[in-house]
mmCIF file of all heavy atoms, coordinates in Angstrom:
data_MODEL
# 
_entry.id   MODEL 
# 
loop_
_atom_site.group_PDB 
_atom_site.id 
_atom_site.type_symbol 
_atom_site.label_atom_id 
_atom_site.label_alt_id 
_atom_site.label_comp_id 
_atom_site.label_asym_id 
_atom_site.label_entity_id 
_atom_site.label_seq_id 
_atom_site.pdbx_PDB_ins_code 
_atom_site.Cartn_x 
_atom_site.Cartn_y 
_atom_site.Cartn_z 
_atom_site.occupancy 
_atom_site.B_iso_or_equiv 
_atom_site.pdbx_formal_charge 
_atom_site.auth_seq_id 
_atom_site.auth_comp_id 
_atom_site.auth_asym_id 
_atom_site.auth_atom_id 
_atom_site.pdbx_PDB_model_num 
ATOM 1   N N   . ASP A 1 1  ? 99.851  105.314 88.302 1.00 0.00 ? 1  ASP A N   1 
ATOM 2   C CA  . ASP A 1 1  ? 99.604  106.707 87.984 1.00 0.00 ? 1  ASP A CA  1 
ATOM 3   C C   . ASP A 1 1  ? 99.463  106.965 86.495 1.00 0.00 ? 1  ASP A C   1 
ATOM 4   O O   . ASP A 1 1  ? 98.712  107.825 86.073 1.00 0.00 ? 1  ASP A O   1 
ATOM 5   C CB  . ASP A 1 1  ? 100.713 107.577 88.573 1.00 0.00 ? 1  ASP A CB  1 
ATOM 6   C CG  . ASP A 1 1  ? 100.327 109.024 88.656 1.00 0.00 ? 1  ASP A CG  1 
ATOM 7   O OD1 . ASP A 1 1  ? 99.140  109.359 88.505 1.00 0.00 ? 1  ASP A OD1 1 
ATOM 8   O OD2 . ASP A 1 1  ? 101.244 109.855 88.894 1.00 0.00 ? 1  ASP A OD2 1 
ATOM 9   N N   . LEU A 1 2  ? 100.219 106.238 85.685 1.00 0.00 ? 2  LEU A N   1 
ATOM 10  C CA  . LEU A 1 2  ? 100.101 106.325 84.233 1.00 0.00 ? 2  LEU A CA  1 
ATOM 11  C C   . LEU A 1 2  ? 100.229 104.860 83.778 1.00 0.00 ? 2  LEU A C   1 
ATOM 12  O O   . LEU A 1 2  ? 101.317 104.308 83.720 1.00 0.00 ? 2  LEU A O   1 
ATOM 13  C CB  . LEU A 1 2  ? 101.202 107.184 83.675 1.00 0.00 ? 2  LEU A CB  1 
ATOM 14  C CG  . LEU A 1 2  ? 101.187 107.464 82.194 1.00 0.00 ? 2  LEU A CG  1 
ATOM 15  C CD1 . LEU A 1 2  ? 99.876  108.128 81.751 1.00 0.00 ? 2  LEU A CD1 1 
ATOM 16  C CD2 . LEU A 1 2  ? 102.355 108.352 81.826 1.00 0.00 ? 2  LEU A CD2 1 
ATOM 17  N N   . LEU A 1 3  ? 99.102  104.229 83.531 1.00 0.00 ? 3  LEU A N   1 
ATOM 18  C CA  . LEU A 1 3  ? 99.084  102.796 83.235 1.00 0.00 ? 3  LEU A CA  1 
ATOM 19  C C   . LEU A 1 3  ? 99.982  102.491 82.026 1.00 0.00 ? 3  LEU A C   1 
ATOM 20  O O   . LEU A 1 3  ? 99.876  103.132 80.985 1.00 0.00 ? 3  LEU A O   1 
ATOM 21  C CB  . LEU A 1 3  ? 97.640  102.372 82.963 1.00 0.00 ? 3  LEU A CB  1 
ATOM 22  C CG  . LEU A 1 3  ? 97.295  100.902 83.113 1.00 0.00 ? 3  LEU A CG  1 
ATOM 23  C CD1 . LEU A 1 3  ? 97.620  100.402 84.528 1.00 0.00 ? 3  LEU A CD1 1 
ATOM 24  C CD2 . LEU A 1 3  ? 95.856  100.659 82.786 1.00 0.00 ? 3  LEU A CD2 1 
ATOM 25  N N   . HIS A 1 4  ? 100.888 101.524 82.196 1.00 0.00 ? 4  HIS A N   1 
ATOM 26  C CA  . HIS A 1 4  ? 101.757 101.122 81.103 1.00 0.00 ? 4  HIS A CA  1 
ATOM 27  C C   . HIS A 1 4  ? 101.922 99.615  81.040 1.00 0.00 ? 4  HIS A C   1 
ATOM 28  O O   . HIS A 1 4  ? 101.382 98.881  81.895 1.00 0.00 ? 4  HIS A O   1 
ATOM 29  C CB  . HIS A 1 4  ? 103.113 101.863 81.212 1.00 0.00 ? 4  HIS A CB  1 
ATOM 30  C CG  . HIS A 1 4  ? 103.870 101.633 82.498 1.00 0.00 ? 4  HIS A CG  1 
ATOM 31  N ND1 . HIS A 1 4  ? 104.447 100.436 82.825 1.00 0.00 ? 4  HIS A ND1 1 
ATOM 32  C CD2 . HIS A 1 4  ? 104.110 102.467 83.537 1.00 0.00 ? 4  HIS A CD2 1 
ATOM 33  C CE1 . HIS A 1 4  ? 105.036 100.532 84.005 1.00 0.00 ? 4  HIS A CE1 1 
ATOM 34  N NE2 . HIS A 1 4  ? 104.837 101.778 84.465 1.00 0.00 ? 4  HIS A NE2 1 
ATOM 35  N N   . VAL A 1 5  ? 102.631 99.115  80.078 1.00 0.00 ? 5  VAL A N   1 
ATOM 36  C CA  . VAL A 1 5  ? 102.755 97.687  79.834 1.00 0.00 ? 5  VAL A CA  1 
ATOM 37  C C   . VAL A 1 5  ? 103.364 96.970  81.027 1.00 0.00 ? 5  VAL A C   1 
ATOM 38  O O   . VAL A 1 5  ? 102.985 95.783  81.298 1.00 0.00 ? 5  VAL A O   1 
ATOM 39  C CB  . VAL A 1 5  ? 103.528 97.392  78.524 1.00 0.00 ? 5  VAL A CB  1 
ATOM 40  C CG1 . VAL A 1 5  ? 105.013 97.764  78.650 1.00 0.00 ? 5  VAL A CG1 1 
ATOM 41  C CG2 . VAL A 1 5  ? 103.353 95.960  78.093 1.00 0.00 ? 5  VAL A CG2 1 
ATOM 42  N N   . GLY A 1 6  ? 104.244 97.561  81.750 1.00 0.00 ? 6  GLY A N   1 
ATOM 43  C CA  . GLY A 1 6  ? 104.797 96.927  82.945 1.00 0.00 ? 6  GLY A CA  1 
ATOM 44  C C   . GLY A 1 6  ? 103.729 96.637  83.983 1.00 0.00 ? 6  GLY A C   1 
ATOM 45  O O   . GLY A 1 6  ? 103.755 95.555  84.603 1.00 0.00 ? 6  GLY A O   1 
ATOM 46  N N   . HIS A 1 7  ? 102.782 97.543  84.143 1.00 0.00 ? 7  HIS A N   1 
ATOM 47  C CA  . HIS A 1 7  ? 101.662 97.316  85.072 1.00 0.00 ? 7  HIS A CA  1 
ATOM 48  C C   . HIS A 1 7  ? 100.824 96.132  84.604 1.00 0.00 ? 7  HIS A C   1 
ATOM 49  O O   . HIS A 1 7  ? 100.442 95.273  85.393 1.00 0.00 ? 7  HIS A O   1 
ATOM 50  C CB  . HIS A 1 7  ? 100.754 98.546  85.160 1.00 0.00 ? 7  HIS A CB  1 
ATOM 51  C CG  . HIS A 1 7  ? 101.421 99.741  85.791 1.00 0.00 ? 7  HIS A CG  1 
ATOM 52  N ND1 . HIS A 1 7  ? 101.289 101.006 85.273 1.00 0.00 ? 7  HIS A ND1 1 
ATOM 53  C CD2 . HIS A 1 7  ? 102.179 99.859  86.894 1.00 0.00 ? 7  HIS A CD2 1 
ATOM 54  C CE1 . HIS A 1 7  ? 101.916 101.844 86.038 1.00 0.00 ? 7  HIS A CE1 1 
ATOM 55  N NE2 . HIS A 1 7  ? 102.479 101.178 87.040 1.00 0.00 ? 7  HIS A NE2 1 
ATOM 56  N N   . VAL A 1 8  ? 100.523 96.103  83.315 1.00 0.00 ? 8  VAL A N   1 
ATOM 57  C CA  . VAL A 1 8  ? 99.679  95.029  82.755 1.00 0.00 ? 8  VAL A CA  1 
ATOM 58  C C   . VAL A 1 8  ? 100.373 93.689  82.966 1.00 0.00 ? 8  VAL A C   1 
ATOM 59  O O   . VAL A 1 8  ? 99.741  92.736  83.441 1.00 0.00 ? 8  VAL A O   1 
ATOM 60  C CB  . VAL A 1 8  ? 99.413  95.271  81.252 1.00 0.00 ? 8  VAL A CB  1 
ATOM 61  C CG1 . VAL A 1 8  ? 98.726  94.076  80.638 1.00 0.00 ? 8  VAL A CG1 1 
ATOM 62  C CG2 . VAL A 1 8  ? 98.605  96.553  81.082 1.00 0.00 ? 8  VAL A CG2 1 
ATOM 63  N N   . ARG A 1 9  ? 101.654 93.605  82.682 1.00 0.00 ? 9  ARG A N   1 
ATOM 64  C CA  . ARG A 1 9  ? 102.383 92.312  82.871 1.00 0.00 ? 9  ARG A CA  1 
ATOM 65  C C   . ARG A 1 9  ? 102.510 91.937  84.309 1.00 0.00 ? 9  ARG A C   1 
ATOM 66  O O   . ARG A 1 9  ? 102.409 90.745  84.654 1.00 0.00 ? 9  ARG A O   1 
ATOM 67  C CB  . ARG A 1 9  ? 103.753 92.459  82.197 1.00 0.00 ? 9  ARG A CB  1 
ATOM 68  C CG  . ARG A 1 9  ? 103.665 92.568  80.708 1.00 0.00 ? 9  ARG A CG  1 
ATOM 69  C CD  . ARG A 1 9  ? 104.983 92.871  80.061 1.00 0.00 ? 9  ARG A CD  1 
ATOM 70  N NE  . ARG A 1 9  ? 104.860 93.035  78.614 1.00 0.00 ? 9  ARG A NE  1 
ATOM 71  C CZ  . ARG A 1 9  ? 105.761 93.605  77.836 1.00 0.00 ? 9  ARG A CZ  1 
ATOM 72  N NH1 . ARG A 1 9  ? 106.899 94.039  78.371 1.00 0.00 ? 9  ARG A NH1 1 
ATOM 73  N NH2 . ARG A 1 9  ? 105.527 93.718  76.565 1.00 0.00 ? 9  ARG A NH2 1 
ATOM 74  N N   . TYR A 1 10 ? 102.668 92.882  85.195 1.00 0.00 ? 10 TYR A N   1 
ATOM 75  C CA  . TYR A 1 10 ? 102.718 92.630  86.636 1.00 0.00 ? 10 TYR A CA  1 
ATOM 76  C C   . TYR A 1 10 ? 101.379 92.066  87.116 1.00 0.00 ? 10 TYR A C   1 
ATOM 77  O O   . TYR A 1 10 ? 101.353 91.017  87.799 1.00 0.00 ? 10 TYR A O   1 
ATOM 78  C CB  . TYR A 1 10 ? 103.060 93.952  87.347 1.00 0.00 ? 10 TYR A CB  1 
ATOM 79  C CG  . TYR A 1 10 ? 102.765 94.034  88.816 1.00 0.00 ? 10 TYR A CG  1 
ATOM 80  C CD1 . TYR A 1 10 ? 103.305 93.136  89.720 1.00 0.00 ? 10 TYR A CD1 1 
ATOM 81  C CD2 . TYR A 1 10 ? 102.009 95.090  89.348 1.00 0.00 ? 10 TYR A CD2 1 
ATOM 82  C CE1 . TYR A 1 10 ? 103.067 93.248  91.103 1.00 0.00 ? 10 TYR A CE1 1 
ATOM 83  C CE2 . TYR A 1 10 ? 101.758 95.222  90.701 1.00 0.00 ? 10 TYR A CE2 1 
ATOM 84  C CZ  . TYR A 1 10 ? 102.293 94.300  91.577 1.00 0.00 ? 10 TYR A CZ  1 
ATOM 85  O OH  . TYR A 1 10 ? 102.056 94.409  92.923 1.00 0.00 ? 10 TYR A OH  1 
ATOM 86  N N   . LEU A 1 11 ? 100.299 92.654  86.705 1.00 0.00 ? 11 LEU A N   1 
ATOM 87  C CA  . LEU A 1 11 ? 98.978  92.196  87.151 1.00 0.00 ? 11 LEU A CA  1 
ATOM 88  C C   . LEU A 1 11 ? 98.608  90.858  86.517 1.00 0.00 ? 11 LEU A C   1 
ATOM 89  O O   . LEU A 1 11 ? 97.987  90.008  87.177 1.00 0.00 ? 11 LEU A O   1 
ATOM 90  C CB  . LEU A 1 11 ? 97.920  93.264  86.926 1.00 0.00 ? 11 LEU A CB  1 
ATOM 91  C CG  . LEU A 1 11 ? 98.163  94.562  87.723 1.00 0.00 ? 11 LEU A CG  1 
ATOM 92  C CD1 . LEU A 1 11 ? 97.152  95.627  87.352 1.00 0.00 ? 11 LEU A CD1 1 
ATOM 93  C CD2 . LEU A 1 11 ? 98.167  94.287  89.224 1.00 0.00 ? 11 LEU A CD2 1 
ATOM 94  N N   . GLU A 1 12 ? 98.995  90.650  85.275 1.00 0.00 ? 12 GLU A N   1 
ATOM 95  C CA  . GLU A 1 12 ? 98.763  89.342  84.660 1.00 0.00 ? 12 GLU A CA  1 
ATOM 96  C C   . GLU A 1 12 ? 99.550  88.248  85.389 1.00 0.00 ? 12 GLU A C   1 
ATOM 97  O O   . GLU A 1 12 ? 99.046  87.148  85.587 1.00 0.00 ? 12 GLU A O   1 
ATOM 98  C CB  . GLU A 1 12 ? 99.124  89.375  83.161 1.00 0.00 ? 12 GLU A CB  1 
ATOM 99  C CG  . GLU A 1 12 ? 98.109  90.144  82.331 1.00 0.00 ? 12 GLU A CG  1 
ATOM 100 C CD  . GLU A 1 12 ? 98.538  90.289  80.860 1.00 0.00 ? 12 GLU A CD  1 
ATOM 101 O OE1 . GLU A 1 12 ? 99.756  90.080  80.554 1.00 0.00 ? 12 GLU A OE1 1 
ATOM 102 O OE2 . GLU A 1 12 ? 97.672  90.620  80.055 1.00 0.00 ? 12 GLU A OE2 1 
ATOM 103 N N   . GLY A 1 13 ? 100.770 88.557  85.754 1.00 0.00 ? 13 GLY A N   1 
ATOM 104 C CA  . GLY A 1 13 ? 101.590 87.591  86.502 1.00 0.00 ? 13 GLY A CA  1 
ATOM 105 C C   . GLY A 1 13 ? 100.981 87.270  87.878 1.00 0.00 ? 13 GLY A C   1 
ATOM 106 O O   . GLY A 1 13 ? 100.989 86.114  88.286 1.00 0.00 ? 13 GLY A O   1 
ATOM 107 N N   . ALA A 1 14 ? 100.436 88.284  88.517 1.00 0.00 ? 14 ALA A N   1 
ATOM 108 C CA  . ALA A 1 14 ? 99.779  88.062  89.829 1.00 0.00 ? 14 ALA A CA  1 
ATOM 109 C C   . ALA A 1 14 ? 98.542  87.191  89.661 1.00 0.00 ? 14 ALA A C   1 
ATOM 110 O O   . ALA A 1 14 ? 98.297  86.260  90.409 1.00 0.00 ? 14 ALA A O   1 
ATOM 111 C CB  . ALA A 1 14 ? 99.445  89.397  90.468 1.00 0.00 ? 14 ALA A CB  1 
ATOM 112 N N   . ARG A 1 15 ? 97.750  87.510  88.648 1.00 0.00 ? 15 ARG A N   1 
ATOM 113 C CA  . ARG A 1 15 ? 96.489  86.775  88.395 1.00 0.00 ? 15 ARG A CA  1 
ATOM 114 C C   . ARG A 1 15 ? 96.756  85.303  88.080 1.00 0.00 ? 15 ARG A C   1 
ATOM 115 O O   . ARG A 1 15 ? 95.957  84.416  88.454 1.00 0.00 ? 15 ARG A O   1 
ATOM 116 C CB  . ARG A 1 15 ? 95.706  87.426  87.261 1.00 0.00 ? 15 ARG A CB  1 
ATOM 117 C CG  . ARG A 1 15 ? 94.403  86.767  86.911 1.00 0.00 ? 15 ARG A CG  1 
ATOM 118 C CD  . ARG A 1 15 ? 93.445  86.842  88.133 1.00 0.00 ? 15 ARG A CD  1 
ATOM 119 N NE  . ARG A 1 15 ? 92.118  86.459  87.817 1.00 0.00 ? 15 ARG A NE  1 
ATOM 120 C CZ  . ARG A 1 15 ? 91.713  85.180  87.742 1.00 0.00 ? 15 ARG A CZ  1 
ATOM 121 N NH1 . ARG A 1 15 ? 92.548  84.191  87.910 1.00 0.00 ? 15 ARG A NH1 1 
ATOM 122 N NH2 . ARG A 1 15 ? 90.444  84.920  87.487 1.00 0.00 ? 15 ARG A NH2 1 
ATOM 123 N N   . ALA A 1 16 ? 97.874  85.014  87.474 1.00 0.00 ? 16 ALA A N   1 
ATOM 124 C CA  . ALA A 1 16 ? 98.200  83.636  87.101 1.00 0.00 ? 16 ALA A CA  1 
ATOM 125 C C   . ALA A 1 16 ? 98.431  82.769  88.334 1.00 0.00 ? 16 ALA A C   1 
ATOM 126 O O   . ALA A 1 16 ? 98.389  81.536  88.226 1.00 0.00 ? 16 ALA A O   1 
ATOM 127 C CB  . ALA A 1 16 ? 99.442  83.616  86.196 1.00 0.00 ? 16 ALA A CB  1 
ATOM 128 N N   . LEU A 1 17 ? 98.632  83.361  89.501 1.00 0.00 ? 17 LEU A N   1 
ATOM 129 C CA  . LEU A 1 17 ? 98.913  82.624  90.746 1.00 0.00 ? 17 LEU A CA  1 
ATOM 130 C C   . LEU A 1 17 ? 97.685  82.315  91.552 1.00 0.00 ? 17 LEU A C   1 
ATOM 131 O O   . LEU A 1 17 ? 97.793  81.685  92.616 1.00 0.00 ? 17 LEU A O   1 
ATOM 132 C CB  . LEU A 1 17 ? 99.931  83.389  91.581 1.00 0.00 ? 17 LEU A CB  1 
ATOM 133 C CG  . LEU A 1 17 ? 101.293 83.621  90.945 1.00 0.00 ? 17 LEU A CG  1 
ATOM 134 C CD1 . LEU A 1 17 ? 102.163 84.454  91.837 1.00 0.00 ? 17 LEU A CD1 1 
ATOM 135 C CD2 . LEU A 1 17 ? 101.965 82.304  90.607 1.00 0.00 ? 17 LEU A CD2 1 
ATOM 136 N N   . ALA A 1 18 ? 96.511  82.752  91.100 1.00 0.00 ? 18 ALA A N   1 
ATOM 137 C CA  . ALA A 1 18 ? 95.328  82.584  91.951 1.00 0.00 ? 18 ALA A CA  1 
ATOM 138 C C   . ALA A 1 18 ? 94.064  82.571  91.142 1.00 0.00 ? 18 ALA A C   1 
ATOM 139 O O   . ALA A 1 18 ? 94.061  82.790  89.946 1.00 0.00 ? 18 ALA A O   1 
ATOM 140 C CB  . ALA A 1 18 ? 95.266  83.766  92.933 1.00 0.00 ? 18 ALA A CB  1 
ATOM 141 N N   . ASP A 1 19 ? 92.963  82.271  91.824 1.00 0.00 ? 19 ASP A N   1 
ATOM 142 C CA  . ASP A 1 19 ? 91.628  82.295  91.199 1.00 0.00 ? 19 ASP A CA  1 
ATOM 143 C C   . ASP A 1 19 ? 91.089  83.719  91.102 1.00 0.00 ? 19 ASP A C   1 
ATOM 144 O O   . ASP A 1 19 ? 90.281  84.018  90.230 1.00 0.00 ? 19 ASP A O   1 
ATOM 145 C CB  . ASP A 1 19 ? 90.613  81.488  92.031 1.00 0.00 ? 19 ASP A CB  1 
ATOM 146 C CG  . ASP A 1 19 ? 91.049  80.045  92.239 1.00 0.00 ? 19 ASP A CG  1 
ATOM 147 O OD1 . ASP A 1 19 ? 91.460  79.424  91.243 1.00 0.00 ? 19 ASP A OD1 1 
ATOM 148 O OD2 . ASP A 1 19 ? 90.994  79.559  93.379 1.00 0.00 ? 19 ASP A OD2 1 
ATOM 149 N N   . VAL A 1 20 ? 91.502  84.543  92.032 1.00 0.00 ? 20 VAL A N   1 
ATOM 150 C CA  . VAL A 1 20 ? 90.994  85.917  92.144 1.00 0.00 ? 20 VAL A CA  1 
ATOM 151 C C   . VAL A 1 20 ? 92.161  86.867  92.409 1.00 0.00 ? 20 VAL A C   1 
ATOM 152 O O   . VAL A 1 20 ? 93.037  86.562  93.196 1.00 0.00 ? 20 VAL A O   1 
ATOM 153 C CB  . VAL A 1 20 ? 89.996  86.045  93.317 1.00 0.00 ? 20 VAL A CB  1 
ATOM 154 C CG1 . VAL A 1 20 ? 89.547  87.473  93.529 1.00 0.00 ? 20 VAL A CG1 1 
ATOM 155 C CG2 . VAL A 1 20 ? 88.799  85.117  93.090 1.00 0.00 ? 20 VAL A CG2 1 
ATOM 156 N N   . LEU A 1 21 ? 92.157  88.019  91.710 1.00 0.00 ? 21 LEU A N   1 
ATOM 157 C CA  . LEU A 1 21 ? 93.188  89.036  91.952 1.00 0.00 ? 21 LEU A CA  1 
ATOM 158 C C   . LEU A 1 21 ? 92.508  90.307  92.482 1.00 0.00 ? 21 LEU A C   1 
ATOM 159 O O   . LEU A 1 21 ? 91.632  90.871  91.876 1.00 0.00 ? 21 LEU A O   1 
ATOM 160 C CB  . LEU A 1 21 ? 93.924  89.378  90.656 1.00 0.00 ? 21 LEU A CB  1 
ATOM 161 C CG  . LEU A 1 21 ? 94.935  90.539  90.752 1.00 0.00 ? 21 LEU A CG  1 
ATOM 162 C CD1 . LEU A 1 21 ? 96.010  90.241  91.792 1.00 0.00 ? 21 LEU A CD1 1 
ATOM 163 C CD2 . LEU A 1 21 ? 95.567  90.829  89.399 1.00 0.00 ? 21 LEU A CD2 1 
ATOM 164 N N   . VAL A 1 22 ? 92.977  90.708  93.678 1.00 0.00 ? 22 VAL A N   1 
ATOM 165 C CA  . VAL A 1 22 ? 92.564  91.954  94.286 1.00 0.00 ? 22 VAL A CA  1 
ATOM 166 C C   . VAL A 1 22 ? 93.757  92.921  94.169 1.00 0.00 ? 22 VAL A C   1 
ATOM 167 O O   . VAL A 1 22 ? 94.883  92.554  94.510 1.00 0.00 ? 22 VAL A O   1 
ATOM 168 C CB  . VAL A 1 22 ? 92.183  91.767  95.771 1.00 0.00 ? 22 VAL A CB  1 
ATOM 169 C CG1 . VAL A 1 22 ? 91.766  93.096  96.408 1.00 0.00 ? 22 VAL A CG1 1 
ATOM 170 C CG2 . VAL A 1 22 ? 91.088  90.700  95.922 1.00 0.00 ? 22 VAL A CG2 1 
ATOM 171 N N   . VAL A 1 23 ? 93.498  94.116  93.693 1.00 0.00 ? 23 VAL A N   1 
ATOM 172 C CA  . VAL A 1 23 ? 94.557  95.110  93.491 1.00 0.00 ? 23 VAL A CA  1 
ATOM 173 C C   . VAL A 1 23 ? 94.323  96.306  94.371 1.00 0.00 ? 23 VAL A C   1 
ATOM 174 O O   . VAL A 1 23 ? 93.244  96.905  94.370 1.00 0.00 ? 23 VAL A O   1 
ATOM 175 C CB  . VAL A 1 23 ? 94.647  95.551  92.016 1.00 0.00 ? 23 VAL A CB  1 
ATOM 176 C CG1 . VAL A 1 23 ? 95.762  96.570  91.835 1.00 0.00 ? 23 VAL A CG1 1 
ATOM 177 C CG2 . VAL A 1 23 ? 94.884  94.359  91.109 1.00 0.00 ? 23 VAL A CG2 1 
ATOM 178 N N   . GLY A 1 24 ? 95.342  96.686  95.129 1.00 0.00 ? 24 GLY A N   1 
ATOM 179 C CA  . GLY A 1 24 ? 95.324  97.895  95.932 1.00 0.00 ? 24 GLY A CA  1 
ATOM 180 C C   . GLY A 1 24 ? 95.921  99.033  95.170 1.00 0.00 ? 24 GLY A C   1 
ATOM 181 O O   . GLY A 1 24 ? 96.984  98.902  94.567 1.00 0.00 ? 24 GLY A O   1 
ATOM 182 N N   . VAL A 1 25 ? 95.199  100.149 95.123 1.00 0.00 ? 25 VAL A N   1 
ATOM 183 C CA  . VAL A 1 25 ? 95.657  101.355 94.446 1.00 0.00 ? 25 VAL A CA  1 
ATOM 184 C C   . VAL A 1 25 ? 95.909  102.414 95.512 1.00 0.00 ? 25 VAL A C   1 
ATOM 185 O O   . VAL A 1 25 ? 95.012  102.724 96.323 1.00 0.00 ? 25 VAL A O   1 
ATOM 186 C CB  . VAL A 1 25 ? 94.599  101.855 93.411 1.00 0.00 ? 25 VAL A CB  1 
ATOM 187 C CG1 . VAL A 1 25 ? 94.987  103.221 92.857 1.00 0.00 ? 25 VAL A CG1 1 
ATOM 188 C CG2 . VAL A 1 25 ? 94.395  100.829 92.321 1.00 0.00 ? 25 VAL A CG2 1 
ATOM 189 N N   . ASN A 1 26 ? 97.094  102.992 95.519 1.00 0.00 ? 26 ASN A N   1 
ATOM 190 C CA  . ASN A 1 26 ? 97.443  104.007 96.494 1.00 0.00 ? 26 ASN A CA  1 
ATOM 191 C C   . ASN A 1 26 ? 96.540  105.253 96.359 1.00 0.00 ? 26 ASN A C   1 
ATOM 192 O O   . ASN A 1 26 ? 96.242  105.670 95.238 1.00 0.00 ? 26 ASN A O   1 
ATOM 193 C CB  . ASN A 1 26 ? 98.890  104.492 96.313 1.00 0.00 ? 26 ASN A CB  1 
ATOM 194 C CG  . ASN A 1 26 ? 99.893  103.463 96.752 1.00 0.00 ? 26 ASN A CG  1 
ATOM 195 O OD1 . ASN A 1 26 ? 100.187 102.529 96.002 1.00 0.00 ? 26 ASN A OD1 1 
ATOM 196 N ND2 . ASN A 1 26 ? 100.430 103.655 97.933 1.00 0.00 ? 26 ASN A ND2 1 
ATOM 197 N N   . SER A 1 27 ? 96.178  105.809 97.482 1.00 0.00 ? 27 SER A N   1 
ATOM 198 C CA  . SER A 1 27 ? 95.366  107.057 97.506 1.00 0.00 ? 27 SER A CA  1 
ATOM 199 C C   . SER A 1 27 ? 96.229  108.212 96.909 1.00 0.00 ? 27 SER A C   1 
ATOM 200 O O   . SER A 1 27 ? 97.449  108.093 96.788 1.00 0.00 ? 27 SER A O   1 
ATOM 201 C CB  . SER A 1 27 ? 94.955  107.415 98.917 1.00 0.00 ? 27 SER A CB  1 
ATOM 202 O OG  . SER A 1 27 ? 96.113  107.789 99.659 1.00 0.00 ? 27 SER A OG  1 
ATOM 203 N N   . ASP A 1 28 ? 95.543  109.285 96.603 1.00 0.00 ? 28 ASP A N   1 
ATOM 204 C CA  . ASP A 1 28 ? 96.268  110.476 96.083 1.00 0.00 ? 28 ASP A CA  1 
ATOM 205 C C   . ASP A 1 28 ? 97.319  110.960 97.077 1.00 0.00 ? 28 ASP A C   1 
ATOM 206 O O   . ASP A 1 28 ? 98.437  111.286 96.702 1.00 0.00 ? 28 ASP A O   1 
ATOM 207 C CB  . ASP A 1 28 ? 95.270  111.615 95.806 1.00 0.00 ? 28 ASP A CB  1 
ATOM 208 C CG  . ASP A 1 28 ? 94.318  111.287 94.655 1.00 0.00 ? 28 ASP A CG  1 
ATOM 209 O OD1 . ASP A 1 28 ? 94.609  110.364 93.869 1.00 0.00 ? 28 ASP A OD1 1 
ATOM 210 O OD2 . ASP A 1 28 ? 93.291  111.988 94.560 1.00 0.00 ? 28 ASP A OD2 1 
# 
């Protein structure tokens, strides 16, 4: 909802585990 450094680090950590990262974003 308000992108911050924790989100960036979370997604970088996820990406490090695979060739491709798919991210689900909750609807409104």
